[in-house]
Amino acid sequence: MTLLITLLAAVISTAVWYMSAEARKMKVGTLCCMYWGAALMWLVDAANEYMELGAEYFSPDAASMINDGFLGLSVTVLGLVIWTVIVLIKAPKGTVRNTLMHKS
């Protein structure tokens, strides 16, 4: 589940990055790299677990599937939070900087 969720997030973010020039300005490429890195990490983990368990790997119990689902969602949300912080710090459009300058 974790691998599937991060792969889905990676494919969606890559499609958004590829189709939109505005997304490139908003550093969506960084988000893509984070999701593809996480997907690669889970792929290596899945291969290692398959080598240990064999065919049992493909029949997980419900509790482990729910745990993997929550882990995949939390990794995806954490990637979005980190990307949001990066966008706020870099401020490609300067909106945060302009807002802070006008308030002070």
PDB file of N, CA and C in Angstrom:
ATOM      1  N   MET A   1       0.820  -1.198   0.000  1.00  0.00           N
ATOM      2  CA  MET A   1       0.000   0.000   0.000  1.00  0.00           C
ATOM      3  C   MET A   1       0.864   1.261   0.000  1.00  0.00           C
ATOM      4  N   THR A   2       1.900   1.244   0.799  1.00  0.00           N
ATOM      5  CA  THR A   2       2.757   2.426   0.896  1.00  0.00           C
ATOM      6  C   THR A   2       3.396   2.732  -0.452  1.00  0.00           C
ATOM      7  N   LEU A   3       3.880   1.700  -1.112  1.00  0.00           N
ATOM      8  CA  LEU A   3       4.490   1.878  -2.425  1.00  0.00           C
ATOM      9  C   LEU A   3       3.473   2.402  -3.428  1.00  0.00           C
ATOM     10  N   LEU A   4       2.279   1.852  -3.417  1.00  0.00           N
ATOM     11  CA  LEU A   4       1.248   2.290  -4.365  1.00  0.00           C
ATOM     12  C   LEU A   4       0.848   3.745  -4.138  1.00  0.00           C
ATOM     13  N   ILE A   5       0.707   4.147  -2.890  1.00  0.00           N
ATOM     14  CA  ILE A   5       0.294   5.524  -2.580  1.00  0.00           C
ATOM     15  C   ILE A   5       1.375   6.511  -2.996  1.00  0.00           C
ATOM     16  N   THR A   6       2.632   6.192  -2.692  1.00  0.00           N
ATOM     17  CA  THR A   6       3.703   7.123  -3.069  1.00  0.00           C
ATOM     18  C   THR A   6       3.921   7.133  -4.582  1.00  0.00           C
ATOM     19  N   LEU A   7       3.747   5.995  -5.249  1.00  0.00           N
ATOM     20  CA  LEU A   7       3.847   5.982  -6.708  1.00  0.00           C
ATOM     21  C   LEU A   7       2.741   6.819  -7.336  1.00  0.00           C
ATOM     22  N   LEU A   8       1.538   6.715  -6.805  1.00  0.00           N
ATOM     23  CA  LEU A   8       0.429   7.513  -7.311  1.00  0.00           C
ATOM     24  C   LEU A   8       0.705   9.007  -7.122  1.00  0.00           C
ATOM     25  N   ALA A   9       1.209   9.375  -5.944  1.00  0.00           N
ATOM     26  CA  ALA A   9       1.546  10.779  -5.693  1.00  0.00           C
ATOM     27  C   ALA A   9       2.664  11.247  -6.620  1.00  0.00           C
ATOM     28  N   ALA A  10       3.649  10.383  -6.864  1.00  0.00           N
ATOM     29  CA  ALA A  10       4.757  10.746  -7.747  1.00  0.00           C
ATOM     30  C   ALA A  10       4.287  10.934  -9.181  1.00  0.00           C
ATOM     31  N   VAL A  11       3.434  10.061  -9.651  1.00  0.00           N
ATOM     32  CA  VAL A  11       2.936  10.171 -11.025  1.00  0.00           C
ATOM     33  C   VAL A  11       2.071  11.416 -11.183  1.00  0.00           C
ATOM     34  N   ILE A  12       1.206  11.682 -10.220  1.00  0.00           N
ATOM     35  CA  ILE A  12       0.341  12.868 -10.298  1.00  0.00           C
ATOM     36  C   ILE A  12       1.164  14.145 -10.258  1.00  0.00           C
ATOM     37  N   SER A  13       2.121  14.225  -9.324  1.00  0.00           N
ATOM     38  CA  SER A  13       2.928  15.444  -9.236  1.00  0.00           C
ATOM     39  C   SER A  13       3.801  15.629 -10.477  1.00  0.00           C
ATOM     40  N   THR A  14       4.288  14.535 -11.050  1.00  0.00           N
ATOM     41  CA  THR A  14       5.081  14.632 -12.272  1.00  0.00           C
ATOM     42  C   THR A  14       4.229  15.099 -13.443  1.00  0.00           C
ATOM     43  N   ALA A  15       3.004  14.605 -13.522  1.00  0.00           N
ATOM     44  CA  ALA A  15       2.094  15.039 -14.592  1.00  0.00           C
ATOM     45  C   ALA A  15       1.777  16.528 -14.463  1.00  0.00           C
ATOM     46  N   VAL A  16       1.552  16.983 -13.238  1.00  0.00           N
ATOM     47  CA  VAL A  16       1.285  18.411 -13.013  1.00  0.00           C
ATOM     48  C   VAL A  16       2.503  19.233 -13.388  1.00  0.00           C
ATOM     49  N   TRP A  17       3.681  18.784 -12.984  1.00  0.00           N
ATOM     50  CA  TRP A  17       4.922  19.501 -13.302  1.00  0.00           C
ATOM     51  C   TRP A  17       5.151  19.563 -14.809  1.00  0.00           C
ATOM     52  N   TYR A  18       4.883  18.457 -15.484  1.00  0.00           N
ATOM     53  CA  TYR A  18       5.147  18.381 -16.912  1.00  0.00           C
ATOM     54  C   TYR A  18       4.184  19.248 -17.720  1.00  0.00           C
ATOM     55  N   MET A  19       2.928  19.325 -17.305  1.00  0.00           N
ATOM     56  CA  MET A  19       1.906  20.010 -18.093  1.00  0.00           C
ATOM     57  C   MET A  19       1.780  21.494 -17.820  1.00  0.00           C
ATOM     58  N   SER A  20       2.365  21.986 -16.755  1.00  0.00           N
ATOM     59  CA  SER A  20       2.131  23.376 -16.367  1.00  0.00           C
ATOM     60  C   SER A  20       3.446  24.123 -16.146  1.00  0.00           C
ATOM     61  N   ALA A  21       3.615  25.196 -16.877  1.00  0.00           N
ATOM     62  CA  ALA A  21       4.787  26.044 -16.666  1.00  0.00           C
ATOM     63  C   ALA A  21       4.694  26.763 -15.324  1.00  0.00           C
ATOM     64  N   GLU A  22       3.480  27.075 -14.906  1.00  0.00           N
ATOM     65  CA  GLU A  22       3.269  27.722 -13.602  1.00  0.00           C
ATOM     66  C   GLU A  22       3.706  26.794 -12.465  1.00  0.00           C
ATOM     67  N   ALA A  23       3.480  25.494 -12.632  1.00  0.00           N
ATOM     68  CA  ALA A  23       3.893  24.521 -11.616  1.00  0.00           C
ATOM     69  C   ALA A  23       5.417  24.478 -11.498  1.00  0.00           C
ATOM     70  N   ARG A  24       6.107  24.657 -12.604  1.00  0.00           N
ATOM     71  CA  ARG A  24       7.574  24.671 -12.548  1.00  0.00           C
ATOM     72  C   ARG A  24       8.076  25.856 -11.745  1.00  0.00           C
ATOM     73  N   LYS A  25       7.374  26.977 -11.847  1.00  0.00           N
ATOM     74  CA  LYS A  25       7.757  28.162 -11.060  1.00  0.00           C
ATOM     75  C   LYS A  25       7.497  27.941  -9.572  1.00  0.00           C
ATOM     76  N   MET A  26       6.514  27.103  -9.276  1.00  0.00           N
ATOM     77  CA  MET A  26       6.150  26.849  -7.877  1.00  0.00           C
ATOM     78  C   MET A  26       6.929  25.679  -7.275  1.00  0.00           C
ATOM     79  N   LYS A  27       8.016  25.289  -7.903  1.00  0.00           N
ATOM     80  CA  LYS A  27       8.925  24.249  -7.398  1.00  0.00           C
ATOM     81  C   LYS A  27       8.265  22.876  -7.245  1.00  0.00           C
ATOM     82  N   VAL A  28       7.353  22.533  -8.154  1.00  0.00           N
ATOM     83  CA  VAL A  28       6.721  21.217  -8.097  1.00  0.00           C
ATOM     84  C   VAL A  28       7.735  20.122  -8.413  1.00  0.00           C
ATOM     85  N   GLY A  29       8.803  20.462  -9.110  1.00  0.00           N
ATOM     86  CA  GLY A  29       9.865  19.499  -9.378  1.00  0.00           C
ATOM     87  C   GLY A  29      10.484  18.966  -8.095  1.00  0.00           C
ATOM     88  N   THR A  30      10.584  19.807  -7.087  1.00  0.00           N
ATOM     89  CA  THR A  30      11.088  19.364  -5.787  1.00  0.00           C
ATOM     90  C   THR A  30      10.142  18.343  -5.169  1.00  0.00           C
ATOM     91  N   LEU A  31       8.855  18.604  -5.287  1.00  0.00           N
ATOM     92  CA  LEU A  31       7.850  17.663  -4.783  1.00  0.00           C
ATOM     93  C   LEU A  31       7.948  16.338  -5.534  1.00  0.00           C
ATOM     94  N   CYS A  32       8.145  16.404  -6.841  1.00  0.00           N
ATOM     95  CA  CYS A  32       8.301  15.185  -7.645  1.00  0.00           C
ATOM     96  C   CYS A  32       9.500  14.372  -7.164  1.00  0.00           C
ATOM     97  N   CYS A  33      10.606  15.045  -6.939  1.00  0.00           N
ATOM     98  CA  CYS A  33      11.813  14.343  -6.482  1.00  0.00           C
ATOM     99  C   CYS A  33      11.598  13.680  -5.127  1.00  0.00           C
ATOM    100  N   MET A  34      10.896  14.356  -4.231  1.00  0.00           N
ATOM    101  CA  MET A  34      10.620  13.760  -2.918  1.00  0.00           C
ATOM    102  C   MET A  34       9.757  12.515  -3.064  1.00  0.00           C
ATOM    103  N   TYR A  35       8.709  12.585  -3.882  1.00  0.00           N
ATOM    104  CA  TYR A  35       7.816  11.446  -4.047  1.00  0.00           C
ATOM    105  C   TYR A  35       8.489  10.295  -4.785  1.00  0.00           C
ATOM    106  N   TRP A  36       9.275  10.598  -5.822  1.00  0.00           N
ATOM    107  CA  TRP A  36       9.969   9.523  -6.523  1.00  0.00           C
ATOM    108  C   TRP A  36      11.028   8.881  -5.624  1.00  0.00           C
ATOM    109  N   GLY A  37      11.682   9.679  -4.779  1.00  0.00           N
ATOM    110  CA  GLY A  37      12.642   9.119  -3.823  1.00  0.00           C
ATOM    111  C   GLY A  37      11.964   8.204  -2.819  1.00  0.00           C
ATOM    112  N   ALA A  38      10.787   8.625  -2.334  1.00  0.00           N
ATOM    113  CA  ALA A  38      10.042   7.785  -1.399  1.00  0.00           C
ATOM    114  C   ALA A  38       9.573   6.507  -2.082  1.00  0.00           C
ATOM    115  N   ALA A  39       9.118   6.625  -3.331  1.00  0.00           N
ATOM    116  CA  ALA A  39       8.672   5.438  -4.061  1.00  0.00           C
ATOM    117  C   ALA A  39       9.825   4.465  -4.284  1.00  0.00           C
ATOM    118  N   LEU A  40      11.002   4.988  -4.595  1.00  0.00           N
ATOM    119  CA  LEU A  40      12.172   4.131  -4.764  1.00  0.00           C
ATOM    120  C   LEU A  40      12.532   3.449  -3.446  1.00  0.00           C
ATOM    121  N   MET A  41      12.443   4.185  -2.352  1.00  0.00           N
ATOM    122  CA  MET A  41      12.733   3.606  -1.040  1.00  0.00           C
ATOM    123  C   MET A  41      11.762   2.469  -0.729  1.00  0.00           C
ATOM    124  N   TRP A  42      10.459   2.676  -0.994  1.00  0.00           N
ATOM    125  CA  TRP A  42       9.466   1.629  -0.708  1.00  0.00           C
ATOM    126  C   TRP A  42       9.628   0.460  -1.665  1.00  0.00           C
ATOM    127  N   LEU A  43      10.096   0.710  -2.888  1.00  0.00           N
ATOM    128  CA  LEU A  43      10.335  -0.389  -3.825  1.00  0.00           C
ATOM    129  C   LEU A  43      11.458  -1.292  -3.325  1.00  0.00           C
ATOM    130  N   VAL A  44      12.521  -0.700  -2.839  1.00  0.00           N
ATOM    131  CA  VAL A  44      13.627  -1.477  -2.281  1.00  0.00           C
ATOM    132  C   VAL A  44      13.148  -2.237  -1.043  1.00  0.00           C
ATOM    133  N   ASP A  45      12.345  -1.593  -0.218  1.00  0.00           N
ATOM    134  CA  ASP A  45      11.793  -2.246   0.972  1.00  0.00           C
ATOM    135  C   ASP A  45      10.912  -3.434   0.578  1.00  0.00           C
ATOM    136  N   ALA A  46      10.068  -3.248  -0.456  1.00  0.00           N
ATOM    137  CA  ALA A  46       9.197  -4.332  -0.908  1.00  0.00           C
ATOM    138  C   ALA A  46      10.014  -5.494  -1.464  1.00  0.00           C
ATOM    139  N   ALA A  47      11.058  -5.202  -2.215  1.00  0.00           N
ATOM    140  CA  ALA A  47      11.903  -6.265  -2.761  1.00  0.00           C
ATOM    141  C   ALA A  47      12.593  -7.033  -1.637  1.00  0.00           C
ATOM    142  N   ASN A  48      13.066  -6.308  -0.634  1.00  0.00           N
ATOM    143  CA  ASN A  48      13.721  -6.954   0.496  1.00  0.00           C
ATOM    144  C   ASN A  48      12.732  -7.819   1.272  1.00  0.00           C
ATOM    145  N   GLU A  49      11.550  -7.320   1.487  1.00  0.00           N
ATOM    146  CA  GLU A  49      10.541  -8.082   2.219  1.00  0.00           C
ATOM    147  C   GLU A  49      10.096  -9.308   1.414  1.00  0.00           C
ATOM    148  N   TYR A  50      10.001  -9.162   0.097  1.00  0.00           N
ATOM    149  CA  TYR A  50       9.648 -10.305  -0.747  1.00  0.00           C
ATOM    150  C   TYR A  50      10.723 -11.377  -0.674  1.00  0.00           C
ATOM    151  N   MET A  51      11.992 -10.975  -0.628  1.00  0.00           N
ATOM    152  CA  MET A  51      13.072 -11.952  -0.524  1.00  0.00           C
ATOM    153  C   MET A  51      13.012 -12.701   0.800  1.00  0.00           C
ATOM    154  N   GLU A  52      12.542 -12.031   1.851  1.00  0.00           N
ATOM    155  CA  GLU A  52      12.437 -12.687   3.157  1.00  0.00           C
ATOM    156  C   GLU A  52      11.208 -13.579   3.251  1.00  0.00           C
ATOM    157  N   LEU A  53      10.048 -13.093   2.769  1.00  0.00           N
ATOM    158  CA  LEU A  53       8.788 -13.806   2.973  1.00  0.00           C
ATOM    159  C   LEU A  53       8.390 -14.715   1.825  1.00  0.00           C
ATOM    160  N   GLY A  54       8.848 -14.428   0.641  1.00  0.00           N
ATOM    161  CA  GLY A  54       8.449 -15.220  -0.515  1.00  0.00           C
ATOM    162  C   GLY A  54       7.015 -14.911  -0.916  1.00  0.00           C
ATOM    163  N   ALA A  55       6.232 -15.945  -1.197  1.00  0.00           N
ATOM    164  CA  ALA A  55       4.856 -15.776  -1.672  1.00  0.00           C
ATOM    165  C   ALA A  55       3.933 -15.186  -0.600  1.00  0.00           C
ATOM    166  N   GLU A  56       4.298 -15.313   0.663  1.00  0.00           N
ATOM    167  CA  GLU A  56       3.482 -14.741   1.746  1.00  0.00           C
ATOM    168  C   GLU A  56       3.395 -13.224   1.665  1.00  0.00           C
ATOM    169  N   TYR A  57       4.337 -12.622   0.975  1.00  0.00           N
ATOM    170  CA  TYR A  57       4.345 -11.162   0.829  1.00  0.00           C
ATOM    171  C   TYR A  57       3.071 -10.653   0.161  1.00  0.00           C
ATOM    172  N   PHE A  58       2.487 -11.460  -0.733  1.00  0.00           N
ATOM    173  CA  PHE A  58       1.323 -11.021  -1.491  1.00  0.00           C
ATOM    174  C   PHE A  58      -0.001 -11.289  -0.791  1.00  0.00           C
ATOM    175  N   SER A  59       0.031 -11.794   0.429  1.00  0.00           N
ATOM    176  CA  SER A  59      -1.211 -12.017   1.177  1.00  0.00           C
ATOM    177  C   SER A  59      -1.098 -11.421   2.588  1.00  0.00           C
ATOM    178  N   PRO A  60      -1.028 -10.084   2.691  1.00  0.00           N
ATOM    179  CA  PRO A  60      -0.908  -9.476   4.008  1.00  0.00           C
ATOM    180  C   PRO A  60      -2.253  -9.497   4.743  1.00  0.00           C
ATOM    181  N   ASP A  61      -2.185  -9.404   6.055  1.00  0.00           N
ATOM    182  CA  ASP A  61      -3.426  -9.328   6.828  1.00  0.00           C
ATOM    183  C   ASP A  61      -3.971  -7.896   6.782  1.00  0.00           C
ATOM    184  N   ALA A  62      -5.199  -7.750   7.218  1.00  0.00           N
ATOM    185  CA  ALA A  62      -5.880  -6.450   7.120  1.00  0.00           C
ATOM    186  C   ALA A  62      -5.196  -5.381   7.962  1.00  0.00           C
ATOM    187  N   ALA A  63      -4.712  -5.752   9.135  1.00  0.00           N
ATOM    188  CA  ALA A  63      -4.076  -4.772  10.020  1.00  0.00           C
ATOM    189  C   ALA A  63      -2.810  -4.190   9.389  1.00  0.00           C
ATOM    190  N   SER A  64      -2.012  -5.034   8.753  1.00  0.00           N
ATOM    191  CA  SER A  64      -0.781  -4.512   8.141  1.00  0.00           C
ATOM    192  C   SER A  64      -1.104  -3.660   6.916  1.00  0.00           C
ATOM    193  N   MET A  65      -2.175  -3.988   6.194  1.00  0.00           N
ATOM    194  CA  MET A  65      -2.572  -3.154   5.056  1.00  0.00           C
ATOM    195  C   MET A  65      -3.051  -1.783   5.514  1.00  0.00           C
ATOM    196  N   ILE A  66      -3.786  -1.740   6.611  1.00  0.00           N
ATOM    197  CA  ILE A  66      -4.241  -0.453   7.154  1.00  0.00           C
ATOM    198  C   ILE A  66      -3.051   0.361   7.644  1.00  0.00           C
ATOM    199  N   ASN A  67      -2.120  -0.297   8.335  1.00  0.00           N
ATOM    200  CA  ASN A  67      -0.913   0.409   8.796  1.00  0.00           C
ATOM    201  C   ASN A  67      -0.101   0.939   7.624  1.00  0.00           C
ATOM    202  N   ASP A  68       0.061   0.140   6.582  1.00  0.00           N
ATOM    203  CA  ASP A  68       0.792   0.588   5.396  1.00  0.00           C
ATOM    204  C   ASP A  68       0.072   1.739   4.695  1.00  0.00           C
ATOM    205  N   GLY A  69      -1.250   1.688   4.673  1.00  0.00           N
ATOM    206  CA  GLY A  69      -2.029   2.776   4.075  1.00  0.00           C
ATOM    207  C   GLY A  69      -1.838   4.083   4.822  1.00  0.00           C
ATOM    208  N   PHE A  70      -1.902   4.012   6.158  1.00  0.00           N
ATOM    209  CA  PHE A  70      -1.683   5.222   6.953  1.00  0.00           C
ATOM    210  C   PHE A  70      -0.265   5.744   6.803  1.00  0.00           C
ATOM    211  N   LEU A  71       0.702   4.839   6.727  1.00  0.00           N
ATOM    212  CA  LEU A  71       2.089   5.266   6.537  1.00  0.00           C
ATOM    213  C   LEU A  71       2.264   5.941   5.180  1.00  0.00           C
ATOM    214  N   GLY A  72       1.662   5.371   4.146  1.00  0.00           N
ATOM    215  CA  GLY A  72       1.746   5.984   2.819  1.00  0.00           C
ATOM    216  C   GLY A  72       1.102   7.359   2.774  1.00  0.00           C
ATOM    217  N   LEU A  73      -0.066   7.496   3.403  1.00  0.00           N
ATOM    218  CA  LEU A  73      -0.726   8.808   3.452  1.00  0.00           C
ATOM    219  C   LEU A  73       0.084   9.812   4.255  1.00  0.00           C
ATOM    220  N   SER A  74       0.665   9.361   5.372  1.00  0.00           N
ATOM    221  CA  SER A  74       1.448  10.296   6.188  1.00  0.00           C
ATOM    222  C   SER A  74       2.718  10.739   5.462  1.00  0.00           C
ATOM    223  N   VAL A  75       3.340   9.842   4.705  1.00  0.00           N
ATOM    224  CA  VAL A  75       4.521  10.225   3.921  1.00  0.00           C
ATOM    225  C   VAL A  75       4.138  11.235   2.841  1.00  0.00           C
ATOM    226  N   THR A  76       2.992  11.014   2.209  1.00  0.00           N
ATOM    227  CA  THR A  76       2.522  11.930   1.170  1.00  0.00           C
ATOM    228  C   THR A  76       2.210  13.299   1.754  1.00  0.00           C
ATOM    229  N   VAL A  77       1.539  13.323   2.884  1.00  0.00           N
ATOM    230  CA  VAL A  77       1.214  14.607   3.530  1.00  0.00           C
ATOM    231  C   VAL A  77       2.480  15.299   4.013  1.00  0.00           C
ATOM    232  N   LEU A  78       3.419  14.546   4.568  1.00  0.00           N
ATOM    233  CA  LEU A  78       4.677  15.154   5.013  1.00  0.00           C
ATOM    234  C   LEU A  78       5.433  15.761   3.836  1.00  0.00           C
ATOM    235  N   GLY A  79       5.415  15.093   2.684  1.00  0.00           N
ATOM    236  CA  GLY A  79       6.032  15.666   1.482  1.00  0.00           C
ATOM    237  C   GLY A  79       5.367  16.969   1.079  1.00  0.00           C
ATOM    238  N   LEU A  80       4.039  17.023   1.160  1.00  0.00           N
ATOM    239  CA  LEU A  80       3.325  18.268   0.847  1.00  0.00           C
ATOM    240  C   LEU A  80       3.670  19.380   1.833  1.00  0.00           C
ATOM    241  N   VAL A  81       3.806  19.042   3.115  1.00  0.00           N
ATOM    242  CA  VAL A  81       4.162  20.048   4.122  1.00  0.00           C
ATOM    243  C   VAL A  81       5.563  20.592   3.860  1.00  0.00           C
ATOM    244  N   ILE A  82       6.505  19.708   3.582  1.00  0.00           N
ATOM    245  CA  ILE A  82       7.877  20.149   3.305  1.00  0.00           C
ATOM    246  C   ILE A  82       7.906  21.018   2.051  1.00  0.00           C
ATOM    247  N   TRP A  83       7.169  20.618   1.011  1.00  0.00           N
ATOM    248  CA  TRP A  83       7.109  21.412  -0.221  1.00  0.00           C
ATOM    249  C   TRP A  83       6.485  22.779   0.050  1.00  0.00           C
ATOM    250  N   THR A  84       5.448  22.838   0.872  1.00  0.00           N
ATOM    251  CA  THR A  84       4.822  24.117   1.209  1.00  0.00           C
ATOM    252  C   THR A  84       5.797  25.035   1.921  1.00  0.00           C
ATOM    253  N   VAL A  85       6.568  24.496   2.844  1.00  0.00           N
ATOM    254  CA  VAL A  85       7.570  25.300   3.551  1.00  0.00           C
ATOM    255  C   VAL A  85       8.617  25.810   2.562  1.00  0.00           C
ATOM    256  N   ILE A  86       9.053  24.953   1.641  1.00  0.00           N
ATOM    257  CA  ILE A  86      10.039  25.379   0.642  1.00  0.00           C
ATOM    258  C   ILE A  86       9.476  26.506  -0.219  1.00  0.00           C
ATOM    259  N   VAL A  87       8.229  26.353  -0.653  1.00  0.00           N
ATOM    260  CA  VAL A  87       7.611  27.395  -1.478  1.00  0.00           C
ATOM    261  C   VAL A  87       7.477  28.696  -0.697  1.00  0.00           C
ATOM    262  N   LEU A  88       7.119  28.614   0.570  1.00  0.00           N
ATOM    263  CA  LEU A  88       6.999  29.833   1.378  1.00  0.00           C
ATOM    264  C   LEU A  88       8.353  30.504   1.598  1.00  0.00           C
ATOM    265  N   ILE A  89       9.393  29.709   1.772  1.00  0.00           N
ATOM    266  CA  ILE A  89      10.724  30.288   1.986  1.00  0.00           C
ATOM    267  C   ILE A  89      11.259  30.892   0.684  1.00  0.00           C
ATOM    268  N   LYS A  90      11.147  30.152  -0.407  1.00  0.00           N
ATOM    269  CA  LYS A  90      11.661  30.645  -1.684  1.00  0.00           C
ATOM    270  C   LYS A  90      10.783  31.745  -2.268  1.00  0.00           C
ATOM    271  N   ALA A  91       9.478  31.663  -2.037  1.00  0.00           N
ATOM    272  CA  ALA A  91       8.494  32.657  -2.497  1.00  0.00           C
ATOM    273  C   ALA A  91       8.728  33.048  -3.957  1.00  0.00           C
ATOM    274  N   PRO A  92       8.442  32.125  -4.896  1.00  0.00           N
ATOM    275  CA  PRO A  92       8.714  32.398  -6.305  1.00  0.00           C
ATOM    276  C   PRO A  92       8.015  33.647  -6.835  1.00  0.00           C
ATOM    277  N   LYS A  93       6.837  33.933  -6.352  1.00  0.00           N
ATOM    278  CA  LYS A  93       6.124  35.121  -6.819  1.00  0.00           C
ATOM    279  C   LYS A  93       6.352  36.328  -5.925  1.00  0.00           C
ATOM    280  N   GLY A  94       7.012  36.140  -4.802  1.00  0.00           N
ATOM    281  CA  GLY A  94       7.283  37.241  -3.895  1.00  0.00           C
ATOM    282  C   GLY A  94       6.085  37.695  -3.082  1.00  0.00           C
ATOM    283  N   THR A  95       5.021  36.917  -3.062  1.00  0.00           N
ATOM    284  CA  THR A  95       3.809  37.349  -2.357  1.00  0.00           C
ATOM    285  C   THR A  95       4.009  37.390  -0.848  1.00  0.00           C
ATOM    286  N   VAL A  96       4.724  36.414  -0.304  1.00  0.00           N
ATOM    287  CA  VAL A  96       4.959  36.405   1.143  1.00  0.00           C
ATOM    288  C   VAL A  96       5.809  37.613   1.524  1.00  0.00           C
ATOM    289  N   ARG A  97       6.851  37.857   0.769  1.00  0.00           N
ATOM    290  CA  ARG A  97       7.732  38.987   1.039  1.00  0.00           C
ATOM    291  C   ARG A  97       6.962  40.310   0.944  1.00  0.00           C
ATOM    292  N   ASN A  98       6.134  40.447  -0.104  1.00  0.00           N
ATOM    293  CA  ASN A  98       5.362  41.678  -0.269  1.00  0.00           C
ATOM    294  C   ASN A  98       4.359  41.860   0.850  1.00  0.00           C
ATOM    295  N   THR A  99       3.729  40.795   1.292  1.00  0.00           N
ATOM    296  CA  THR A  99       2.771  40.882   2.393  1.00  0.00           C
ATOM    297  C   THR A  99       3.460  41.285   3.687  1.00  0.00           C
ATOM    298  N   LEU A 100       4.627  40.733   3.957  1.00  0.00           N
ATOM    299  CA  LEU A 100       5.351  41.095   5.179  1.00  0.00           C
ATOM    300  C   LEU A 100       5.855  42.532   5.120  1.00  0.00           C
ATOM    301  N   MET A 101       6.255  42.998   3.975  1.00  0.00           N
ATOM    302  CA  MET A 101       6.754  44.376   3.831  1.00  0.00           C
ATOM    303  C   MET A 101       5.633  45.398   4.025  1.00  0.00           C
ATOM    304  N   HIS A 102       4.435  45.086   3.547  1.00  0.00           N
ATOM    305  CA  HIS A 102       3.327  46.025   3.673  1.00  0.00           C
ATOM    306  C   HIS A 102       2.783  46.078   5.092  1.00  0.00           C
ATOM    307  N   LYS A 103       2.920  45.013   5.868  1.00  0.00           N
ATOM    308  CA  LYS A 103       2.393  44.987   7.234  1.00  0.00           C
ATOM    309  C   LYS A 103       3.324  45.710   8.198  1.00  0.00           C
ATOM    310  N   SER A 104       4.607  45.744   7.924  1.00  0.00           N
ATOM    311  CA  SER A 104       5.520  46.343   8.880  1.00  0.00           C
ATOM    312  C   SER A 104       5.708  47.830   8.661  1.00  0.00           C
TER     313      SER A 104
END
